[in-house]
């Protein structure tokens, strides 16, 4: 397989899986409109909004930082372990703080 075919395949999968949730939401819109009251639909929309914001805030691009530094220090396992544990701790701390804030 040439590198271009692999790139095209990976790009197609990435685009399809990225658009799939939006397509499902679009297709379910008539069902939601018919079955839910305005108040229930508003609650569903707010919940979806909070999940989207929380997803962005929990990640904060830390997975990109891990990828960058992993390939820079992959020959030094102790540094990679330290990096991974720091990122897991940071994500856990951010998720905990967001959970407490959203709970109240």
PDB file of N, CA and C in Angstrom:
ATOM      1  N   UNK A   1       0.850  -1.171   0.000  1.00  0.00           N
ATOM      2  CA  UNK A   1       0.000   0.000   0.000  1.00  0.00           C
ATOM      3  C   UNK A   1       0.897   1.236   0.000  1.00  0.00           C
ATOM      4  N   UNK A   2       0.636   2.142  -0.908  1.00  0.00           N
ATOM      5  CA  UNK A   2       1.441   3.353  -0.974  1.00  0.00           C
ATOM      6  C   UNK A   2       1.081   4.273   0.195  1.00  0.00           C
ATOM      7  N   UNK A   3       1.995   5.174   0.531  1.00  0.00           N
ATOM      8  CA  UNK A   3       1.719   6.086   1.646  1.00  0.00           C
ATOM      9  C   UNK A   3       0.493   6.963   1.396  1.00  0.00           C
ATOM     10  N   UNK A   4       0.235   7.286   0.130  1.00  0.00           N
ATOM     11  CA  UNK A   4      -0.913   8.138  -0.180  1.00  0.00           C
ATOM     12  C   UNK A   4      -2.229   7.406   0.042  1.00  0.00           C
ATOM     13  N   UNK A   5      -2.259   6.113  -0.269  1.00  0.00           N
ATOM     14  CA  UNK A   5      -3.476   5.332  -0.025  1.00  0.00           C
ATOM     15  C   UNK A   5      -3.743   5.219   1.469  1.00  0.00           C
ATOM     16  N   UNK A   6      -2.687   5.008   2.240  1.00  0.00           N
ATOM     17  CA  UNK A   6      -2.830   4.938   3.695  1.00  0.00           C
ATOM     18  C   UNK A   6      -3.300   6.259   4.272  1.00  0.00           C
ATOM     19  N   UNK A   7      -2.750   7.354   3.733  1.00  0.00           N
ATOM     20  CA  UNK A   7      -3.164   8.681   4.183  1.00  0.00           C
ATOM     21  C   UNK A   7      -4.616   8.942   3.829  1.00  0.00           C
ATOM     22  N   UNK A   8      -5.008   8.578   2.617  1.00  0.00           N
ATOM     23  CA  UNK A   8      -6.391   8.772   2.185  1.00  0.00           C
ATOM     24  C   UNK A   8      -7.347   7.948   3.040  1.00  0.00           C
ATOM     25  N   UNK A   9      -6.977   6.715   3.326  1.00  0.00           N
ATOM     26  CA  UNK A   9      -7.818   5.849   4.157  1.00  0.00           C
ATOM     27  C   UNK A   9      -7.958   6.427   5.567  1.00  0.00           C
ATOM     28  N   UNK A  10      -6.851   6.841   6.160  1.00  0.00           N
ATOM     29  CA  UNK A  10      -6.884   7.407   7.509  1.00  0.00           C
ATOM     30  C   UNK A  10      -7.680   8.704   7.550  1.00  0.00           C
ATOM     31  N   UNK A  11      -7.506   9.545   6.535  1.00  0.00           N
ATOM     32  CA  UNK A  11      -8.244  10.802   6.468  1.00  0.00           C
ATOM     33  C   UNK A  11      -9.736  10.553   6.339  1.00  0.00           C
ATOM     34  N   UNK A  12     -10.109   9.605   5.501  1.00  0.00           N
ATOM     35  CA  UNK A  12     -11.527   9.277   5.322  1.00  0.00           C
ATOM     36  C   UNK A  12     -12.139   8.778   6.625  1.00  0.00           C
ATOM     37  N   UNK A  13     -11.448   7.895   7.309  1.00  0.00           N
ATOM     38  CA  UNK A  13     -11.951   7.376   8.585  1.00  0.00           C
ATOM     39  C   UNK A  13     -12.088   8.506   9.598  1.00  0.00           C
ATOM     40  N   UNK A  14     -11.109   9.377   9.668  1.00  0.00           N
ATOM     41  CA  UNK A  14     -11.129  10.498  10.608  1.00  0.00           C
ATOM     42  C   UNK A  14     -12.307  11.427  10.326  1.00  0.00           C
ATOM     43  N   UNK A  15     -12.538  11.746   9.066  1.00  0.00           N
ATOM     44  CA  UNK A  15     -13.637  12.641   8.697  1.00  0.00           C
ATOM     45  C   UNK A  15     -14.986  11.995   8.981  1.00  0.00           C
ATOM     46  N   UNK A  16     -15.137  10.733   8.593  1.00  0.00           N
ATOM     47  CA  UNK A  16     -16.421  10.042   8.805  1.00  0.00           C
ATOM     48  C   UNK A  16     -16.731   9.946  10.295  1.00  0.00           C
ATOM     49  N   UNK A  17     -15.759   9.520  11.093  1.00  0.00           N
ATOM     50  CA  UNK A  17     -16.005   9.384  12.525  1.00  0.00           C
ATOM     51  C   UNK A  17     -16.168  10.733  13.213  1.00  0.00           C
ATOM     52  N   UNK A  18     -15.581  11.779  12.667  1.00  0.00           N
ATOM     53  CA  UNK A  18     -15.773  13.116  13.222  1.00  0.00           C
ATOM     54  C   UNK A  18     -17.153  13.672  12.927  1.00  0.00           C
ATOM     55  N   UNK A  19     -17.691  13.342  11.765  1.00  0.00           N
ATOM     56  CA  UNK A  19     -19.005  13.855  11.358  1.00  0.00           C
ATOM     57  C   UNK A  19     -20.157  12.963  11.803  1.00  0.00           C
ATOM     58  N   UNK A  20     -19.869  11.744  12.194  1.00  0.00           N
ATOM     59  CA  UNK A  20     -20.920  10.798  12.556  1.00  0.00           C
ATOM     60  C   UNK A  20     -21.826  11.292  13.690  1.00  0.00           C
ATOM     61  N   UNK A  21     -21.288  11.799  14.807  1.00  0.00           N
ATOM     62  CA  UNK A  21     -22.183  12.286  15.864  1.00  0.00           C
ATOM     63  C   UNK A  21     -23.084  13.434  15.411  1.00  0.00           C
ATOM     64  N   UNK A  22     -22.543  14.334  14.598  1.00  0.00           N
ATOM     65  CA  UNK A  22     -23.361  15.444  14.100  1.00  0.00           C
ATOM     66  C   UNK A  22     -24.465  14.937  13.184  1.00  0.00           C
ATOM     67  N   UNK A  23     -24.153  13.966  12.352  1.00  0.00           N
ATOM     68  CA  UNK A  23     -25.158  13.390  11.461  1.00  0.00           C
ATOM     69  C   UNK A  23     -26.251  12.670  12.226  1.00  0.00           C
ATOM     70  N   UNK A  24     -25.861  11.940  13.265  1.00  0.00           N
ATOM     71  CA  UNK A  24     -26.856  11.243  14.082  1.00  0.00           C
ATOM     72  C   UNK A  24     -27.757  12.251  14.779  1.00  0.00           C
ATOM     73  N   UNK A  25     -27.175  13.312  15.332  1.00  0.00           N
ATOM     74  CA  UNK A  25     -27.991  14.351  15.974  1.00  0.00           C
ATOM     75  C   UNK A  25     -28.951  14.991  14.977  1.00  0.00           C
ATOM     76  N   UNK A  26     -28.482  15.233  13.777  1.00  0.00           N
ATOM     77  CA  UNK A  26     -29.341  15.837  12.756  1.00  0.00           C
ATOM     78  C   UNK A  26     -30.492  14.905  12.394  1.00  0.00           C
ATOM     79  N   UNK A  27     -30.203  13.612  12.261  1.00  0.00           N
ATOM     80  CA  UNK A  27     -31.252  12.656  11.914  1.00  0.00           C
ATOM     81  C   UNK A  27     -32.245  12.449  13.059  1.00  0.00           C
ATOM     82  N   UNK A  28     -31.793  12.602  14.290  1.00  0.00           N
ATOM     83  CA  UNK A  28     -32.679  12.420  15.440  1.00  0.00           C
ATOM     84  C   UNK A  28     -33.472  13.676  15.798  1.00  0.00           C
ATOM     85  N   UNK A  29     -33.171  14.789  15.173  1.00  0.00           N
ATOM     86  CA  UNK A  29     -33.862  16.040  15.477  1.00  0.00           C
ATOM     87  C   UNK A  29     -35.380  15.936  15.332  1.00  0.00           C
ATOM     88  N   UNK A  30     -35.918  15.353  14.251  1.00  0.00           N
ATOM     89  CA  UNK A  30     -37.383  15.224  14.172  1.00  0.00           C
ATOM     90  C   UNK A  30     -37.963  14.344  15.283  1.00  0.00           C
ATOM     91  N   UNK A  31     -37.248  13.311  15.658  1.00  0.00           N
ATOM     92  CA  UNK A  31     -37.719  12.433  16.737  1.00  0.00           C
ATOM     93  C   UNK A  31     -37.752  13.200  18.052  1.00  0.00           C
ATOM     94  N   UNK A  32     -36.678  13.920  18.343  1.00  0.00           N
ATOM     95  CA  UNK A  32     -36.638  14.707  19.572  1.00  0.00           C
ATOM     96  C   UNK A  32     -37.724  15.774  19.576  1.00  0.00           C
ATOM     97  N   UNK A  33     -37.927  16.428  18.450  1.00  0.00           N
ATOM     98  CA  UNK A  33     -38.940  17.486  18.362  1.00  0.00           C
ATOM     99  C   UNK A  33     -40.339  16.946  18.602  1.00  0.00           C
ATOM    100  N   UNK A  34     -40.592  15.749  18.129  1.00  0.00           N
ATOM    101  CA  UNK A  34     -41.926  15.167  18.269  1.00  0.00           C
ATOM    102  C   UNK A  34     -42.160  14.598  19.664  1.00  0.00           C
ATOM    103  N   UNK A  35     -41.173  13.942  20.228  1.00  0.00           N
ATOM    104  CA  UNK A  35     -41.352  13.211  21.487  1.00  0.00           C
ATOM    105  C   UNK A  35     -41.110  14.054  22.735  1.00  0.00           C
ATOM    106  N   UNK A  36     -40.296  15.098  22.644  1.00  0.00           N
ATOM    107  CA  UNK A  36     -39.941  15.883  23.821  1.00  0.00           C
ATOM    108  C   UNK A  36     -40.681  17.211  23.839  1.00  0.00           C
ATOM    109  N   UNK A  37     -41.003  17.663  25.036  1.00  0.00           N
ATOM    110  CA  UNK A  37     -41.585  19.001  25.163  1.00  0.00           C
ATOM    111  C   UNK A  37     -40.460  20.025  24.985  1.00  0.00           C
ATOM    112  N   UNK A  38     -40.832  21.298  24.923  1.00  0.00           N
ATOM    113  CA  UNK A  38     -39.813  22.340  24.757  1.00  0.00           C
ATOM    114  C   UNK A  38     -38.857  22.357  25.942  1.00  0.00           C
ATOM    115  N   UNK A  39     -39.388  22.182  27.146  1.00  0.00           N
ATOM    116  CA  UNK A  39     -38.545  22.191  28.345  1.00  0.00           C
ATOM    117  C   UNK A  39     -37.585  20.998  28.345  1.00  0.00           C
ATOM    118  N   UNK A  40     -38.079  19.824  27.976  1.00  0.00           N
ATOM    119  CA  UNK A  40     -37.228  18.633  27.937  1.00  0.00           C
ATOM    120  C   UNK A  40     -36.151  18.766  26.866  1.00  0.00           C
ATOM    121  N   UNK A  41     -36.526  19.320  25.725  1.00  0.00           N
ATOM    122  CA  UNK A  41     -35.542  19.518  24.658  1.00  0.00           C
ATOM    123  C   UNK A  41     -34.484  20.539  25.086  1.00  0.00           C
ATOM    124  N   UNK A  42     -34.907  21.557  25.819  1.00  0.00           N
ATOM    125  CA  UNK A  42     -33.959  22.540  26.347  1.00  0.00           C
ATOM    126  C   UNK A  42     -32.974  21.907  27.315  1.00  0.00           C
ATOM    127  N   UNK A  43     -33.479  21.021  28.179  1.00  0.00           N
ATOM    128  CA  UNK A  43     -32.607  20.319  29.122  1.00  0.00           C
ATOM    129  C   UNK A  43     -31.613  19.438  28.365  1.00  0.00           C
ATOM    130  N   UNK A  44     -32.090  18.740  27.341  1.00  0.00           N
ATOM    131  CA  UNK A  44     -31.211  17.900  26.520  1.00  0.00           C
ATOM    132  C   UNK A  44     -30.122  18.739  25.849  1.00  0.00           C
ATOM    133  N   UNK A  45     -30.497  19.893  25.340  1.00  0.00           N
ATOM    134  CA  UNK A  45     -29.539  20.777  24.679  1.00  0.00           C
ATOM    135  C   UNK A  45     -28.505  21.301  25.668  1.00  0.00           C
ATOM    136  N   UNK A  46     -28.958  21.708  26.860  1.00  0.00           N
ATOM    137  CA  UNK A  46     -28.018  22.191  27.872  1.00  0.00           C
ATOM    138  C   UNK A  46     -27.061  21.088  28.320  1.00  0.00           C
ATOM    139  N   UNK A  47     -27.580  19.883  28.494  1.00  0.00           N
ATOM    140  CA  UNK A  47     -26.716  18.765  28.880  1.00  0.00           C
ATOM    141  C   UNK A  47     -25.672  18.504  27.803  1.00  0.00           C
ATOM    142  N   UNK A  48     -26.081  18.545  26.556  1.00  0.00           N
ATOM    143  CA  UNK A  48     -25.151  18.347  25.444  1.00  0.00           C
ATOM    144  C   UNK A  48     -24.088  19.448  25.420  1.00  0.00           C
ATOM    145  N   UNK A  49     -24.509  20.671  25.696  1.00  0.00           N
ATOM    146  CA  UNK A  49     -23.581  21.798  25.742  1.00  0.00           C
ATOM    147  C   UNK A  49     -22.553  21.615  26.854  1.00  0.00           C
ATOM    148  N   UNK A  50     -23.005  21.239  28.044  1.00  0.00           N
ATOM    149  CA  UNK A  50     -22.089  21.037  29.162  1.00  0.00           C
ATOM    150  C   UNK A  50     -21.103  19.908  28.889  1.00  0.00           C
ATOM    151  N   UNK A  51     -21.568  18.841  28.271  1.00  0.00           N
ATOM    152  CA  UNK A  51     -20.674  17.729  27.938  1.00  0.00           C
ATOM    153  C   UNK A  51     -19.611  18.194  26.944  1.00  0.00           C
ATOM    154  N   UNK A  52     -20.006  18.978  25.950  1.00  0.00           N
ATOM    155  CA  UNK A  52     -19.042  19.492  24.976  1.00  0.00           C
ATOM    156  C   UNK A  52     -17.999  20.391  25.605  1.00  0.00           C
ATOM    157  N   UNK A  53     -18.445  21.292  26.478  1.00  0.00           N
ATOM    158  CA  UNK A  53     -17.506  22.200  27.152  1.00  0.00           C
ATOM    159  C   UNK A  53     -16.587  21.423  28.084  1.00  0.00           C
ATOM    160  N   UNK A  54     -17.155  20.479  28.841  1.00  0.00           N
ATOM    161  CA  UNK A  54     -16.337  19.685  29.762  1.00  0.00           C
ATOM    162  C   UNK A  54     -15.294  18.867  29.007  1.00  0.00           C
ATOM    163  N   UNK A  55     -15.665  18.346  27.854  1.00  0.00           N
ATOM    164  CA  UNK A  55     -14.721  17.572  27.048  1.00  0.00           C
ATOM    165  C   UNK A  55     -13.534  18.431  26.626  1.00  0.00           C
ATOM    166  N   UNK A  56     -13.816  19.650  26.228  1.00  0.00           N
ATOM    167  CA  UNK A  56     -12.743  20.562  25.821  1.00  0.00           C
ATOM    168  C   UNK A  56     -11.862  20.915  27.012  1.00  0.00           C
ATOM    169  N   UNK A  57     -12.485  21.236  28.139  1.00  0.00           N
ATOM    170  CA  UNK A  57     -11.718  21.660  29.302  1.00  0.00           C
ATOM    171  C   UNK A  57     -10.909  20.530  29.925  1.00  0.00           C
ATOM    172  N   UNK A  58     -11.438  19.327  29.920  1.00  0.00           N
ATOM    173  CA  UNK A  58     -10.706  18.213  30.521  1.00  0.00           C
ATOM    174  C   UNK A  58      -9.457  17.896  29.706  1.00  0.00           C
ATOM    175  N   UNK A  59      -9.565  17.928  28.401  1.00  0.00           N
ATOM    176  CA  UNK A  59      -8.413  17.606  27.563  1.00  0.00           C
ATOM    177  C   UNK A  59      -7.355  18.677  27.578  1.00  0.00           C
ATOM    178  N   UNK A  60      -7.743  19.908  27.329  1.00  0.00           N
ATOM    179  CA  UNK A  60      -6.837  21.054  27.274  1.00  0.00           C
ATOM    180  C   UNK A  60      -5.611  20.827  26.395  1.00  0.00           C
ATOM    181  N   UNK A  61      -5.740  19.961  25.422  1.00  0.00           N
ATOM    182  CA  UNK A  61      -4.631  19.707  24.521  1.00  0.00           C
ATOM    183  C   UNK A  61      -3.500  18.901  25.137  1.00  0.00           C
ATOM    184  N   UNK A  62      -3.769  18.275  26.269  1.00  0.00           N
ATOM    185  CA  UNK A  62      -2.706  17.527  26.940  1.00  0.00           C
ATOM    186  C   UNK A  62      -2.286  16.290  26.161  1.00  0.00           C
ATOM    187  N   UNK A  63      -3.203  15.718  25.387  1.00  0.00           N
ATOM    188  CA  UNK A  63      -2.815  14.551  24.591  1.00  0.00           C
ATOM    189  C   UNK A  63      -1.814  14.947  23.507  1.00  0.00           C
ATOM    190  N   UNK A  64      -1.931  16.159  22.990  1.00  0.00           N
ATOM    191  CA  UNK A  64      -0.954  16.657  22.024  1.00  0.00           C
ATOM    192  C   UNK A  64       0.409  16.873  22.666  1.00  0.00           C
ATOM    193  N   UNK A  65       0.388  17.359  23.898  1.00  0.00           N
ATOM    194  CA  UNK A  65       1.646  17.545  24.624  1.00  0.00           C
ATOM    195  C   UNK A  65       2.318  16.207  24.878  1.00  0.00           C
ATOM    196  N   UNK A  66       1.516  15.206  25.228  1.00  0.00           N
ATOM    197  CA  UNK A  66       2.094  13.878  25.459  1.00  0.00           C
ATOM    198  C   UNK A  66       2.721  13.337  24.182  1.00  0.00           C
ATOM    199  N   UNK A  67       2.015  13.478  23.070  1.00  0.00           N
ATOM    200  CA  UNK A  67       2.553  12.983  21.799  1.00  0.00           C
ATOM    201  C   UNK A  67       3.871  13.664  21.459  1.00  0.00           C
ATOM    202  N   UNK A  68       3.921  14.963  21.663  1.00  0.00           N
ATOM    203  CA  UNK A  68       5.136  15.708  21.332  1.00  0.00           C
ATOM    204  C   UNK A  68       6.310  15.247  22.187  1.00  0.00           C
ATOM    205  N   UNK A  69       6.096  15.205  23.490  1.00  0.00           N
ATOM    206  CA  UNK A  69       7.204  14.869  24.376  1.00  0.00           C
ATOM    207  C   UNK A  69       7.525  13.385  24.383  1.00  0.00           C
ATOM    208  N   UNK A  70       6.556  12.548  24.086  1.00  0.00           N
ATOM    209  CA  UNK A  70       6.845  11.111  24.026  1.00  0.00           C
ATOM    210  C   UNK A  70       7.884  10.831  22.952  1.00  0.00           C
ATOM    211  N   UNK A  71       7.672  11.383  21.777  1.00  0.00           N
ATOM    212  CA  UNK A  71       8.605  11.117  20.684  1.00  0.00           C
ATOM    213  C   UNK A  71       9.932  11.835  20.878  1.00  0.00           C
ATOM    214  N   UNK A  72       9.946  12.843  21.718  1.00  0.00           N
ATOM    215  CA  UNK A  72      11.198  13.520  22.006  1.00  0.00           C
ATOM    216  C   UNK A  72      12.027  12.719  23.026  1.00  0.00           C
ATOM    217  N   UNK A  73      11.342  12.039  23.953  1.00  0.00           N
ATOM    218  CA  UNK A  73      12.041  11.347  25.043  1.00  0.00           C
ATOM    219  C   UNK A  73      11.771   9.843  25.084  1.00  0.00           C
ATOM    220  N   UNK A  74      11.347   9.241  23.986  1.00  0.00           N
ATOM    221  CA  UNK A  74      10.960   7.830  24.021  1.00  0.00           C
ATOM    222  C   UNK A  74      12.109   6.892  24.379  1.00  0.00           C
ATOM    223  N   UNK A  75      13.345   7.330  24.246  1.00  0.00           N
ATOM    224  CA  UNK A  75      14.490   6.478  24.595  1.00  0.00           C
ATOM    225  C   UNK A  75      14.833   6.566  26.083  1.00  0.00           C
ATOM    226  N   UNK A  76      14.107   7.413  26.811  1.00  0.00           N
ATOM    227  CA  UNK A  76      14.331   7.559  28.251  1.00  0.00           C
ATOM    228  C   UNK A  76      13.037   7.182  28.978  1.00  0.00           C
ATOM    229  N   UNK A  77      12.869   5.901  29.302  1.00  0.00           N
ATOM    230  CA  UNK A  77      11.600   5.423  29.863  1.00  0.00           C
ATOM    231  C   UNK A  77      11.178   6.120  31.156  1.00  0.00           C
ATOM    232  N   UNK A  78      12.137   6.519  31.991  1.00  0.00           N
ATOM    233  CA  UNK A  78      11.766   7.187  33.245  1.00  0.00           C
ATOM    234  C   UNK A  78      11.115   8.537  32.971  1.00  0.00           C
ATOM    235  N   UNK A  79      11.623   9.259  31.994  1.00  0.00           N
ATOM    236  CA  UNK A  79      11.012  10.540  31.640  1.00  0.00           C
ATOM    237  C   UNK A  79       9.622  10.343  31.047  1.00  0.00           C
ATOM    238  N   UNK A  80       9.454   9.327  30.227  1.00  0.00           N
ATOM    239  CA  UNK A  80       8.144   9.039  29.633  1.00  0.00           C
ATOM    240  C   UNK A  80       7.153   8.653  30.725  1.00  0.00           C
ATOM    241  N   UNK A  81       7.585   7.822  31.676  1.00  0.00           N
ATOM    242  CA  UNK A  81       6.708   7.445  32.787  1.00  0.00           C
ATOM    243  C   UNK A  81       6.319   8.660  33.619  1.00  0.00           C
ATOM    244  N   UNK A  82       7.277   9.530  33.868  1.00  0.00           N
ATOM    245  CA  UNK A  82       7.008  10.748  34.628  1.00  0.00           C
ATOM    246  C   UNK A  82       6.031  11.652  33.876  1.00  0.00           C
ATOM    247  N   UNK A  83       6.231  11.776  32.582  1.00  0.00           N
ATOM    248  CA  UNK A  83       5.333  12.585  31.756  1.00  0.00           C
ATOM    249  C   UNK A  83       3.920  12.022  31.774  1.00  0.00           C
ATOM    250  N   UNK A  84       3.798  10.722  31.607  1.00  0.00           N
ATOM    251  CA  UNK A  84       2.485  10.086  31.589  1.00  0.00           C
ATOM    252  C   UNK A  84       1.774  10.235  32.928  1.00  0.00           C
ATOM    253  N   UNK A  85       2.483  10.011  34.016  1.00  0.00           N
ATOM    254  CA  UNK A  85       1.842  10.136  35.327  1.00  0.00           C
ATOM    255  C   UNK A  85       1.439  11.582  35.610  1.00  0.00           C
ATOM    256  N   UNK A  86       2.244  12.538  35.182  1.00  0.00           N
ATOM    257  CA  UNK A  86       1.890  13.946  35.363  1.00  0.00           C
ATOM    258  C   UNK A  86       0.642  14.307  34.566  1.00  0.00           C
ATOM    259  N   UNK A  87       0.552  13.832  33.331  1.00  0.00           N
ATOM    260  CA  UNK A  87      -0.623  14.126  32.514  1.00  0.00           C
ATOM    261  C   UNK A  87      -1.875  13.462  33.071  1.00  0.00           C
ATOM    262  N   UNK A  88      -1.759  12.231  33.541  1.00  0.00           N
ATOM    263  CA  UNK A  88      -2.917  11.551  34.129  1.00  0.00           C
ATOM    264  C   UNK A  88      -3.369  12.285  35.385  1.00  0.00           C
ATOM    265  N   UNK A  89      -2.426  12.717  36.203  1.00  0.00           N
ATOM    266  CA  UNK A  89      -2.759  13.469  37.408  1.00  0.00           C
ATOM    267  C   UNK A  89      -3.434  14.795  37.052  1.00  0.00           C
ATOM    268  N   UNK A  90      -2.906  15.496  36.056  1.00  0.00           N
ATOM    269  CA  UNK A  90      -3.491  16.778  35.650  1.00  0.00           C
ATOM    270  C   UNK A  90      -4.907  16.594  35.117  1.00  0.00           C
ATOM    271  N   UNK A  91      -5.120  15.614  34.276  1.00  0.00           N
ATOM    272  CA  UNK A  91      -6.461  15.367  33.733  1.00  0.00           C
ATOM    273  C   UNK A  91      -7.417  14.957  34.845  1.00  0.00           C
ATOM    274  N   UNK A  92      -6.960  14.120  35.768  1.00  0.00           N
ATOM    275  CA  UNK A  92      -7.805  13.727  36.897  1.00  0.00           C
ATOM    276  C   UNK A  92      -8.171  14.907  37.770  1.00  0.00           C
ATOM    277  N   UNK A  93      -7.209  15.787  38.029  1.00  0.00           N
ATOM    278  CA  UNK A  93      -7.470  16.975  38.841  1.00  0.00           C
ATOM    279  C   UNK A  93      -8.459  17.911  38.152  1.00  0.00           C
ATOM    280  N   UNK A  94      -8.268  18.144  36.873  1.00  0.00           N
ATOM    281  CA  UNK A  94      -9.179  19.005  36.115  1.00  0.00           C
ATOM    282  C   UNK A  94     -10.580  18.407  36.087  1.00  0.00           C
ATOM    283  N   UNK A  95     -10.680  17.105  35.864  1.00  0.00           N
ATOM    284  CA  UNK A  95     -11.989  16.445  35.836  1.00  0.00           C
ATOM    285  C   UNK A  95     -12.670  16.524  37.194  1.00  0.00           C
ATOM    286  N   UNK A  96     -11.908  16.368  38.273  1.00  0.00           N
ATOM    287  CA  UNK A  96     -12.481  16.457  39.615  1.00  0.00           C
ATOM    288  C   UNK A  96     -13.006  17.860  39.891  1.00  0.00           C
ATOM    289  N   UNK A  97     -12.217  18.865  39.574  1.00  0.00           N
ATOM    290  CA  UNK A  97     -12.651  20.251  39.790  1.00  0.00           C
ATOM    291  C   UNK A  97     -13.900  20.553  38.964  1.00  0.00           C
ATOM    292  N   UNK A  98     -13.908  20.138  37.708  1.00  0.00           N
ATOM    293  CA  UNK A  98     -15.099  20.358  36.875  1.00  0.00           C
ATOM    294  C   UNK A  98     -16.307  19.605  37.417  1.00  0.00           C
ATOM    295  N   UNK A  99     -16.097  18.394  37.898  1.00  0.00           N
ATOM    296  CA  UNK A  99     -17.192  17.621  38.474  1.00  0.00           C
ATOM    297  C   UNK A  99     -17.795  18.307  39.681  1.00  0.00           C
ATOM    298  N   UNK A 100     -16.942  18.853  40.539  1.00  0.00           N
ATOM    299  CA  UNK A 100     -17.435  19.564  41.722  1.00  0.00           C
ATOM    300  C   UNK A 100     -18.180  20.828  41.309  1.00  0.00           C
ATOM    301  N   UNK A 101     -17.630  21.568  40.370  1.00  0.00           N
ATOM    302  CA  UNK A 101     -18.283  22.805  39.913  1.00  0.00           C
ATOM    303  C   UNK A 101     -19.631  22.503  39.273  1.00  0.00           C
ATOM    304  N   UNK A 102     -19.692  21.507  38.420  1.00  0.00           N
ATOM    305  CA  UNK A 102     -20.948  21.186  37.738  1.00  0.00           C
ATOM    306  C   UNK A 102     -21.963  20.530  38.663  1.00  0.00           C
ATOM    307  N   UNK A 103     -21.497  19.918  39.745  1.00  0.00           N
ATOM    308  CA  UNK A 103     -22.426  19.297  40.692  1.00  0.00           C
ATOM    309  C   UNK A 103     -23.229  20.353  41.441  1.00  0.00           C
ATOM    310  N   UNK A 104     -22.607  21.478  41.736  1.00  0.00           N
ATOM    311  CA  UNK A 104     -23.298  22.527  42.486  1.00  0.00           C
ATOM    312  C   UNK A 104     -23.759  23.550  41.533  1.00  0.00           C
TER     313      UNK A 104
END
